[in-house]
Protein backbone atom coordinates (compact mmCIF):
# COMPACT_ATOMS: atom_id res chain seq x y z
CA MET A 1 -12.56 7.01 101.07
CA GLU A 2 -13.79 5.21 98.18
CA SER A 3 -11.51 4.01 95.45
CA PRO A 4 -12.03 5.66 91.94
CA SER A 5 -14.26 3.33 89.73
CA VAL A 6 -12.86 1.52 86.74
CA PRO A 7 -15.26 1.16 84.00
CA ALA A 8 -15.91 -2.60 82.78
CA HIS A 9 -14.79 -4.00 79.25
CA ARG A 10 -15.69 -6.82 77.44
CA GLY A 11 -13.09 -9.39 76.43
CA CYS A 12 -9.39 -9.34 77.65
CA VAL A 13 -8.17 -6.25 79.39
CA PRO A 14 -4.61 -5.27 77.90
CA TRP A 15 -1.92 -5.68 80.67
CA GLN A 16 -0.84 -2.00 80.27
CA GLY A 17 -4.23 -1.25 81.53
CA LEU A 18 -3.92 -3.60 84.59
CA LEU A 19 -0.68 -1.82 85.59
CA LEU A 20 -2.16 1.45 85.21
CA ALA A 21 -5.10 0.72 87.34
CA ALA A 22 -2.94 -0.89 90.09
CA SER A 23 -0.65 2.32 90.26
CA ILE A 24 -3.65 4.44 90.77
CA LEU A 25 -5.24 2.21 93.68
CA THR A 26 -1.76 2.32 95.09
CA LEU A 27 -1.21 5.83 94.98
CA TRP A 28 -5.03 6.55 96.13
CA SER A 29 -4.23 4.16 99.25
CA LEU A 30 -1.06 5.79 100.47
CA PRO A 31 -1.32 7.76 103.93
CA THR A 32 0.15 11.24 103.87
CA THR A 33 1.95 11.27 107.21
CA ALA A 34 4.72 13.90 108.26
CA GLN A 35 8.09 12.88 109.30
CA LEU A 36 8.92 12.36 112.90
CA THR A 37 11.46 15.15 113.97
CA ILE A 38 12.93 16.38 117.05
CA GLU A 39 13.70 19.93 117.84
CA SER A 40 15.97 21.46 120.63
CA VAL A 41 14.61 24.54 122.20
CA PRO A 42 17.04 26.75 122.41
CA PRO A 43 19.36 25.34 119.71
CA ASN A 44 22.32 25.93 121.79
CA ALA A 45 21.84 26.30 125.64
CA ALA A 46 24.10 27.68 128.38
CA GLU A 47 25.03 25.60 131.26
CA GLY A 48 22.34 25.76 134.22
CA LYS A 49 19.51 26.49 132.03
CA ASP A 50 16.34 24.50 130.92
CA VAL A 51 16.41 22.71 127.55
CA LEU A 52 13.46 21.04 125.67
CA LEU A 53 13.72 18.34 122.83
CA ARG A 54 10.39 18.98 121.23
CA VAL A 55 8.89 16.21 119.33
CA HIS A 56 6.93 16.86 116.10
CA ASN A 57 4.41 14.67 114.14
CA LEU A 58 4.44 11.87 116.75
CA PRO A 59 2.13 9.11 115.29
CA GLY A 60 -1.59 9.56 116.27
CA ASN A 61 -2.11 5.73 116.93
CA LEU A 62 0.81 5.88 119.21
CA MET A 63 1.17 2.82 121.67
CA VAL A 64 4.45 3.76 123.45
CA CYS A 65 7.60 5.96 122.98
CA ILE A 66 11.02 5.73 124.50
CA TRP A 67 13.90 7.97 125.12
CA TYR A 68 17.46 6.77 125.00
CA LYS A 69 20.63 8.64 125.66
CA GLY A 70 23.23 8.27 122.84
CA GLU A 71 22.34 7.02 119.22
CA LYS A 72 21.86 3.47 119.84
CA ILE A 73 18.97 1.41 121.49
CA ASP A 74 20.31 0.11 124.87
CA SER A 75 18.23 -0.88 127.91
CA ASN A 76 20.92 0.54 130.16
CA LEU A 77 20.63 3.99 128.45
CA ARG A 78 16.92 4.42 128.61
CA ILE A 79 15.82 7.48 130.08
CA ALA A 80 12.08 7.19 130.36
CA SER A 81 9.13 5.79 128.45
CA TYR A 82 5.45 6.82 128.11
CA THR A 83 2.53 4.40 127.50
CA ALA A 84 -0.48 5.94 125.57
CA HIS A 85 -3.28 3.72 127.01
CA THR A 86 -2.31 4.13 130.69
CA GLN A 87 -0.67 7.79 130.18
CA ALA A 88 2.02 6.45 132.37
CA VAL A 89 5.66 7.70 132.48
CA THR A 90 8.19 4.79 133.44
CA LEU A 91 11.71 5.94 134.54
CA GLY A 92 14.96 4.17 133.21
CA PRO A 93 18.42 3.53 134.37
CA ALA A 94 19.85 6.79 132.69
CA TYR A 95 17.26 8.96 134.15
CA SER A 96 19.04 11.61 136.42
CA GLN A 97 16.09 13.23 138.27
CA ARG A 98 16.43 16.36 136.05
CA GLU A 99 14.40 14.98 132.99
CA THR A 100 10.53 15.25 132.45
CA MET A 101 8.76 13.34 129.70
CA TYR A 102 5.44 14.83 128.28
CA PRO A 103 2.55 12.79 126.66
CA ASN A 104 3.54 14.47 123.46
CA GLY A 105 6.71 12.57 123.47
CA SER A 106 8.83 15.85 124.33
CA LEU A 107 11.55 15.67 126.83
CA LEU A 108 12.66 18.45 129.33
CA PHE A 109 16.17 18.89 130.95
CA GLN A 110 16.30 20.98 133.95
CA LYS A 111 19.52 22.85 134.67
CA VAL A 112 21.60 21.06 132.06
CA THR A 113 25.27 20.61 132.51
CA LEU A 114 28.10 20.08 129.88
CA GLN A 115 27.74 16.27 130.63
CA ASP A 116 24.27 16.56 128.93
CA THR A 117 25.75 17.42 125.57
CA GLY A 118 25.28 14.98 123.00
CA TYR A 119 22.79 12.82 120.91
CA TYR A 120 19.20 11.44 122.26
CA THR A 121 17.12 8.89 120.56
CA LEU A 122 13.41 8.51 120.51
CA VAL A 123 11.68 5.16 119.37
CA ALA A 124 7.99 5.51 118.79
CA LEU A 125 5.81 2.32 118.52
CA ASP A 126 2.18 2.59 117.19
CA LYS A 127 -0.80 0.19 117.41
CA ASP A 128 0.15 -1.57 114.09
CA ALA A 129 3.51 -2.54 115.82
CA GLU A 130 5.52 -0.27 113.57
CA SER A 131 8.44 1.57 114.92
CA ILE A 132 9.88 5.06 114.09
CA GLN A 133 13.34 6.00 115.46
CA VAL A 134 14.57 9.45 115.31
CA THR A 135 17.73 11.16 116.87
CA GLY A 136 18.26 14.75 118.22
CA GLN A 137 21.31 16.57 119.53
CA LEU A 138 21.52 18.82 122.63
CA ARG A 139 24.33 21.52 122.83
CA VAL A 140 25.34 23.05 126.24
CA TYR A 141 27.78 25.85 126.45
CA GLN A 142 29.48 27.54 129.47
CA PRO A 143 29.62 31.41 129.24
CA VAL A 144 33.19 32.42 128.29
CA GLY A 145 35.60 34.31 130.65
CA LYS A 146 37.53 37.49 129.89
CA PRO A 147 40.81 36.81 127.87
CA ALA A 148 44.16 38.37 128.50
CA LEU A 149 46.34 39.93 125.66
CA GLN A 150 50.11 39.55 125.80
CA ALA A 151 52.54 41.14 123.61
CA SER A 152 56.34 40.52 122.82
CA ASN A 153 57.02 44.14 122.73
CA ALA A 154 54.70 46.91 123.24
CA THR A 155 57.11 49.48 121.65
CA VAL A 156 58.47 48.43 118.29
CA THR A 157 60.40 50.07 115.33
CA GLU A 158 58.93 50.46 111.88
CA HIS A 159 60.32 48.20 109.20
CA LYS A 160 62.65 46.54 111.74
CA ASP A 161 61.08 44.65 114.41
CA ALA A 162 58.16 42.02 114.43
CA LEU A 163 55.30 41.81 116.97
CA VAL A 164 53.78 38.51 118.31
CA LEU A 165 50.47 38.98 120.17
CA THR A 166 48.88 36.18 122.13
CA CYS A 167 45.34 35.66 123.39
CA LEU A 168 45.22 33.70 126.66
CA THR A 169 42.15 32.01 127.77
CA ASN A 170 41.12 28.88 129.62
CA ASP A 171 37.99 28.29 127.84
CA ARG A 172 37.55 25.41 125.56
CA GLY A 173 35.46 24.92 122.29
CA ILE A 174 35.62 28.59 121.48
CA SER A 175 36.55 30.82 118.66
CA ILE A 176 38.91 33.68 118.71
CA ARG A 177 38.99 36.91 116.53
CA TRP A 178 41.28 40.05 116.54
CA LEU A 179 40.28 43.61 116.87
CA PHE A 180 42.28 46.85 116.00
CA LYS A 181 40.83 50.15 117.12
CA ASN A 182 37.58 48.27 118.21
CA GLN A 183 37.01 46.96 114.73
CA ILE A 184 37.49 43.61 113.27
CA LEU A 185 41.21 43.46 112.06
CA PRO A 186 41.61 43.35 108.36
CA HIS A 187 43.88 40.68 107.13
CA LYS A 188 47.19 41.95 105.55
CA HIS A 189 50.00 40.02 104.06
CA ARG A 190 52.31 41.01 106.99
CA MET A 191 50.06 39.22 109.50
CA LYS A 192 49.79 35.66 110.10
CA LEU A 193 47.46 33.80 112.38
CA SER A 194 48.30 30.45 114.30
CA GLN A 195 45.98 27.60 113.45
CA ASP A 196 43.41 28.11 116.33
CA ASN A 197 43.69 31.96 115.86
CA ASN A 198 45.14 32.54 119.34
CA ILE A 199 48.47 33.84 117.94
CA LEU A 200 48.73 37.03 115.78
CA THR A 201 52.33 37.71 114.10
CA ILE A 202 52.83 41.21 112.45
CA ASP A 203 56.22 41.06 110.50
CA PRO A 204 57.34 43.69 110.03
CA VAL A 205 55.36 46.46 111.88
CA ARG A 206 54.33 49.95 110.29
CA ARG A 207 53.30 53.11 111.65
CA GLU A 208 49.93 52.51 110.52
CA ASP A 209 49.79 49.62 113.16
CA THR A 210 49.90 52.17 115.90
CA GLY A 211 46.82 51.84 117.99
CA SER A 212 44.92 49.37 120.26
CA PHE A 213 44.78 45.60 119.76
CA GLN A 214 42.08 43.19 121.41
CA CYS A 215 41.35 39.78 121.12
CA GLU A 216 37.70 38.37 121.75
CA VAL A 217 36.72 34.78 122.30
CA PHE A 218 33.15 33.72 121.68
CA ASN A 219 30.90 30.72 121.49
CA PRO A 220 27.36 30.31 120.39
CA ILE A 221 26.04 31.76 123.59
CA SER A 222 28.38 34.40 124.74
CA SER A 223 31.46 36.61 123.97
CA SER A 224 34.06 38.26 125.87
CA LYS A 225 37.04 40.88 125.10
CA SER A 226 40.35 41.37 126.35
CA ASP A 227 41.44 44.84 127.54
CA PRO A 228 42.89 47.01 124.91
CA LEU A 229 46.69 46.74 124.37
CA LYS A 230 48.05 50.10 122.85
CA LEU A 231 51.02 49.54 120.58
CA ASP A 232 53.68 52.20 119.88
CA VAL A 233 55.48 52.15 116.67
CA GLN A 234 58.64 54.38 116.62
CA TYR A 235 60.52 55.63 113.40
CA ASP A 236 64.32 55.00 113.09
CA PRO A 237 65.57 57.66 110.71
CA THR A 238 68.49 55.83 109.86
CA LEU A 239 66.53 53.15 107.98
CA PRO A 240 65.89 53.78 104.32
CA SER A 241 62.10 54.96 103.47
CA PRO A 242 60.10 52.73 101.59
CA GLY A 243 59.05 55.51 99.35
CA LEU A 244 55.47 55.99 97.82
CA SER A 245 53.76 53.09 96.11
CA VAL A 246 53.32 53.35 92.35
CA GLY A 247 49.67 54.06 92.85
CA ALA A 248 50.47 56.98 95.20
CA MET A 249 52.89 58.35 92.63
CA ALA A 250 50.61 58.06 89.78
CA GLY A 251 47.86 59.68 91.73
CA ILE A 252 50.27 62.69 92.63
CA VAL A 253 51.39 62.96 88.93
CA VAL A 254 47.76 63.19 87.56
CA GLY A 255 46.75 65.86 90.18
CA VAL A 256 49.72 67.76 89.02
CA LEU A 257 49.02 67.77 85.70
CA ALA A 258 45.52 68.47 86.32
CA GLY A 259 46.41 71.51 88.46
CA VAL A 260 49.16 72.75 85.76
CA ALA A 261 46.37 72.52 83.04
CA LEU A 262 43.92 74.47 85.13
CA VAL A 263 46.53 77.20 85.90
CA ALA A 264 47.65 77.50 82.33
CA ALA A 265 44.17 77.77 80.89
CA LEU A 266 43.27 80.52 83.29
CA ALA A 267 46.42 82.45 82.53
CA TYR A 268 45.82 82.17 78.72
CA PHE A 269 42.22 83.32 79.04
CA LEU A 270 43.62 86.35 80.82
CA TYR A 271 46.25 86.87 78.54
CA VAL A 272 43.93 86.75 75.54
CA ARG A 273 41.32 89.31 77.17
CA LYS A 274 44.08 91.64 78.01
CA THR A 275 45.70 91.61 74.67
CA GLY A 276 42.25 91.65 72.62
CA GLY A 277 42.52 88.63 70.84
CA TYR A 278 39.90 87.85 68.17
CA ASP A 279 37.24 85.22 69.00
CA GLY A 280 39.38 84.02 72.00
CA LEU A 281 42.63 83.72 70.02
CA PRO A 282 45.70 85.87 70.31
CA SER A 283 46.22 88.59 67.39
CA CYS A 284 49.89 88.09 67.03
CA SER A 285 52.35 85.41 67.46
CA ALA A 286 54.28 84.69 70.47
CA SER A 287 57.43 86.00 69.03
CA SER A 288 55.58 89.22 68.06
CA MET A 289 54.24 89.55 71.71
CA ALA A 290 57.60 89.42 73.18
CA ASP A 291 58.49 92.47 70.60
CA ASP A 292 55.49 94.42 71.43
CA HIS A 293 55.95 94.04 75.15
CA PRO A 294 59.69 94.82 75.98
CA GLY A 295 59.15 94.75 79.50
CA ARG A 296 58.38 90.93 79.24
CA GLY A 297 61.16 88.57 78.66
CA LYS A 298 61.01 86.56 75.48
CA GLY A 299 59.40 83.33 75.61
CA THR A 300 57.31 83.62 79.12
CA SER A 301 54.08 82.40 77.78
CA PRO A 302 51.69 80.94 79.98
CA LEU A 303 52.39 77.45 78.51
CA SER A 304 55.98 77.69 79.12
CA LEU A 305 55.34 78.67 82.63
CA GLY A 306 52.91 75.80 83.15
CA LEU A 307 55.58 73.38 81.84
CA ASP A 308 58.16 74.83 84.13
CA LEU A 309 55.90 74.53 86.95
CA LEU A 310 55.11 70.90 86.14
CA LEU A 311 58.64 70.17 85.64
CA LEU A 312 59.67 71.75 89.25
CA LEU A 313 56.93 69.69 90.82
CA LEU A 314 57.87 66.25 89.25
CA LYS A 315 61.64 66.97 90.45
CA SER A 316 60.38 67.75 93.98
CA LEU A 317 58.39 64.50 94.03
CA LEU A 318 61.28 62.36 92.59
CA LEU A 319 63.63 63.84 95.28
CA SER A 320 61.12 63.10 98.20
CA THR A 321 60.94 59.49 97.17
CA ASP A 322 64.48 59.08 96.83
CA SER A 323 65.16 60.57 100.49
């Protein structure tokens, strides 16, 4: 590739122009090479499976590449090396007879074990004696076993007892989550988890906690659930009831008001139609209505009936919350 031409000038060339020309020539001559990387395939491996540390963007003028176990260059940790001009693979002290090195620099592990977990370093040396070093990671996991769920008490009393659930497992390097009625347990202020999530404490229990609990252990390659543990929450009539919440009481009052307004409007409409009011309005006052219809009690208008009904419902509501 030819460098861009620079026009000739007579006399002295300003120093700013020389710097600009030098910058252009430098950028023109820089090679655009991709970065050397290592990819684990698969990213998370099950014990006993095969894993490939795949190399991307190996230099085209490669002379030799070497694999080491760990993050440092140590001849005692050399697994294998590949020489390009002889296409020969040389095995090192850290070779375990389960590794295969390919001409593209990739390294295959067969039947990986938990001891294979860790970092691996590749050094690539090109024909210009320039070296590139890159490190990749190999992750190996065991399939998790089935956990067991243990409860402090399977039968508890509402607002009196606390419940402690323990998830028992022999697996290491795992995560734990809790399930209630086969759904992820929603966190509530009455519930506390231990630091590693294997102990769940509910204090106090409520009737809404009645149902089946499970714990699930998992890692990046597998998961397993415990058998369901059914919790029975009993009610002690001697204990005071917590009553309705403010939101529930407000909802009930709004519902009662809406119902009373609807009943009053309907009764008023029927009354106006029966008495023949003009344009939807009664033709006489409430007092005259009582006089014109002696069979009716004085003041028993639909509105008063609606108010009496509202007061009765509110009184019943307050009595139920106090009991």
